[in-house]
C-alpha atoms as a PDB file:
ATOM      1  CA  UNK A   1     120.350 153.033 111.194  1.00  0.00           C
ATOM      2  CA  UNK A   2     119.082 153.373 114.798  1.00  0.00           C
ATOM      3  CA  UNK A   3     117.449 151.425 117.469  1.00  0.00           C
ATOM      4  CA  UNK A   4     113.452 150.992 117.360  1.00  0.00           C
ATOM      5  CA  UNK A   5     114.447 150.976 113.013  1.00  0.00           C
ATOM      6  CA  UNK A   6     116.668 147.715 113.474  1.00  0.00           C
ATOM      7  CA  UNK A   7     113.768 145.791 115.192  1.00  0.00           C
ATOM      8  CA  UNK A   8     111.259 146.720 113.073  1.00  0.00           C
ATOM      9  CA  UNK A   9     113.416 145.405 110.331  1.00  0.00           C
ATOM     10  CA  UNK A  10     114.170 142.052 111.726  1.00  0.00           C
ATOM     11  CA  UNK A  11     110.861 141.501 113.555  1.00  0.00           C
ATOM     12  CA  UNK A  12     109.294 141.951 109.740  1.00  0.00           C
ATOM     13  CA  UNK A  13     112.652 139.835 108.099  1.00  0.00           C
ATOM     14  CA  UNK A  14     111.471 137.078 110.319  1.00  0.00           C
ATOM     15  CA  UNK A  15     107.878 137.111 110.609  1.00  0.00           C
ATOM     16  CA  UNK A  16     107.041 137.514 106.282  1.00  0.00           C
ATOM     17  CA  UNK A  17     110.742 137.293 104.867  1.00  0.00           C
ATOM     18  CA  UNK A  18     109.821 139.956 102.626  1.00  0.00           C
ATOM     19  CA  UNK A  19     110.802 140.194  98.474  1.00  0.00           C
ATOM     20  CA  UNK A  20     111.589 143.686  99.395  1.00  0.00           C
ATOM     21  CA  UNK A  21     111.645 146.030 102.210  1.00  0.00           C
ATOM     22  CA  UNK A  22     112.375 149.361 103.367  1.00  0.00           C
ATOM     23  CA  UNK A  23     111.889 150.941 106.016  1.00  0.00           C
ATOM     24  CA  UNK A  24     112.339 155.461 106.126  1.00  0.00           C
ATOM     25  CA  UNK A  25     112.454 157.517 110.129  1.00  0.00           C
ATOM     26  CA  UNK A  26     109.862 160.046 108.990  1.00  0.00           C
ATOM     27  CA  UNK A  27     110.494 161.602 112.119  1.00  0.00           C
ATOM     28  CA  UNK A  28     111.837 164.843 111.560  1.00  0.00           C
ATOM     29  CA  UNK A  29     109.094 165.650 109.930  1.00  0.00           C
ATOM     30  CA  UNK A  30     106.580 165.697 113.586  1.00  0.00           C
ATOM     31  CA  UNK A  31     109.038 167.046 115.501  1.00  0.00           C
ATOM     32  CA  UNK A  32     106.979 168.887 118.147  1.00  0.00           C
ATOM     33  CA  UNK A  33     103.829 166.249 117.879  1.00  0.00           C
ATOM     34  CA  UNK A  34     102.317 163.907 119.718  1.00  0.00           C
ATOM     35  CA  UNK A  35     104.079 161.516 120.219  1.00  0.00           C
ATOM     36  CA  UNK A  36     107.856 162.661 118.645  1.00  0.00           C
ATOM     37  CA  UNK A  37     110.072 161.783 120.598  1.00  0.00           C
ATOM     38  CA  UNK A  38     113.070 163.889 121.034  1.00  0.00           C
ATOM     39  CA  UNK A  39     115.725 161.517 119.442  1.00  0.00           C
ATOM     40  CA  UNK A  40     113.465 160.657 116.429  1.00  0.00           C
ATOM     41  CA  UNK A  41     112.823 156.348 115.436  1.00  0.00           C
ATOM     42  CA  UNK A  42     108.883 156.964 116.255  1.00  0.00           C
ATOM     43  CA  UNK A  43     107.329 157.868 112.965  1.00  0.00           C
ATOM     44  CA  UNK A  44     108.515 154.987 110.056  1.00  0.00           C
ATOM     45  CA  UNK A  45     107.917 154.553 106.257  1.00  0.00           C
ATOM     46  CA  UNK A  46     108.283 151.596 105.689  1.00  0.00           C
ATOM     47  CA  UNK A  47     107.208 148.880 102.020  1.00  0.00           C
ATOM     48  CA  UNK A  48     107.775 145.134 102.200  1.00  0.00           C
ATOM     49  CA  UNK A  49     106.422 142.718  99.484  1.00  0.00           C
ATOM     50  CA  UNK A  50     105.544 139.332 100.798  1.00  0.00           C
ATOM     51  CA  UNK A  51     104.349 136.253  99.218  1.00  0.00           C
ATOM     52  CA  UNK A  52     102.658 136.377 103.193  1.00  0.00           C
ATOM     53  CA  UNK A  53     100.792 139.018 102.053  1.00  0.00           C
ATOM     54  CA  UNK A  54      99.130 135.861  99.349  1.00  0.00           C
ATOM     55  CA  UNK A  55      94.906 135.389  99.463  1.00  0.00           C
ATOM     56  CA  UNK A  56      94.787 138.606 102.388  1.00  0.00           C
ATOM     57  CA  UNK A  57      93.539 141.845 101.762  1.00  0.00           C
ATOM     58  CA  UNK A  58      95.103 145.732 102.741  1.00  0.00           C
ATOM     59  CA  UNK A  59      93.946 145.173 106.705  1.00  0.00           C
ATOM     60  CA  UNK A  60      94.725 141.559 106.838  1.00  0.00           C
ATOM     61  CA  UNK A  61      97.974 142.934 105.722  1.00  0.00           C
ATOM     62  CA  UNK A  62      98.505 146.178 107.966  1.00  0.00           C
ATOM     63  CA  UNK A  63      97.352 143.430 111.145  1.00  0.00           C
ATOM     64  CA  UNK A  64      99.455 141.325 110.509  1.00  0.00           C
ATOM     65  CA  UNK A  65     102.463 143.496 110.368  1.00  0.00           C
ATOM     66  CA  UNK A  66     101.088 145.659 113.844  1.00  0.00           C
ATOM     67  CA  UNK A  67     100.989 142.098 115.417  1.00  0.00           C
ATOM     68  CA  UNK A  68     104.594 142.090 114.234  1.00  0.00           C
ATOM     69  CA  UNK A  69     105.385 144.961 115.647  1.00  0.00           C
ATOM     70  CA  UNK A  70     104.072 144.494 119.286  1.00  0.00           C
ATOM     71  CA  UNK A  71     107.275 144.785 121.533  1.00  0.00           C
ATOM     72  CA  UNK A  72     108.450 147.961 119.046  1.00  0.00           C
ATOM     73  CA  UNK A  73     104.498 149.942 119.405  1.00  0.00           C
ATOM     74  CA  UNK A  74     105.307 149.021 123.436  1.00  0.00           C
ATOM     75  CA  UNK A  75     108.768 150.899 123.086  1.00  0.00           C
ATOM     76  CA  UNK A  76     107.506 153.802 121.701  1.00  0.00           C
ATOM     77  CA  UNK A  77     106.677 153.321 118.363  1.00  0.00           C
ATOM     78  CA  UNK A  78     104.131 155.718 117.867  1.00  0.00           C
ATOM     79  CA  UNK A  79     103.495 155.941 113.676  1.00  0.00           C
ATOM     80  CA  UNK A  80     103.847 153.325 110.804  1.00  0.00           C
ATOM     81  CA  UNK A  81     102.480 154.196 107.467  1.00  0.00           C
ATOM     82  CA  UNK A  82     102.797 151.101 105.121  1.00  0.00           C
ATOM     83  CA  UNK A  83     102.812 149.334 102.153  1.00  0.00           C
ATOM     84  CA  UNK A  84     102.235 146.380 101.556  1.00  0.00           C
ATOM     85  CA  UNK A  85     102.434 143.794  98.792  1.00  0.00           C
ATOM     86  CA  UNK A  86     102.747 140.731  97.314  1.00  0.00           C
ATOM     87  CA  UNK A  87     105.515 139.512  94.506  1.00  0.00           C
ATOM     88  CA  UNK A  88     103.201 139.538  91.242  1.00  0.00           C
ATOM     89  CA  UNK A  89     101.356 143.283  92.734  1.00  0.00           C
ATOM     90  CA  UNK A  90     105.160 144.392  92.707  1.00  0.00           C
ATOM     91  CA  UNK A  91     105.349 146.405  90.457  1.00  0.00           C
ATOM     92  CA  UNK A  92     108.859 147.665  91.618  1.00  0.00           C
ATOM     93  CA  UNK A  93     110.172 143.774  90.976  1.00  0.00           C
END
């Protein structure tokens, strides 16, 4: 795990206290595209299951995540695909 993915995980765990969290670096799929960096760590897919999402719309949940990851976007995070669920919505549980 690189510095960017560690920062993403750290910020989301601190801000959302997720019941379940996963992160996948998909940067290799975007090599040569806009925002791709030679060392990777520019494109990620995350799954966050948190009670903090209760009563929030999908857009509000995404805004929460983007707000928590502002430092990472400023450091070169280019793209983030996300699944944001409440514990009741988590079928993997």
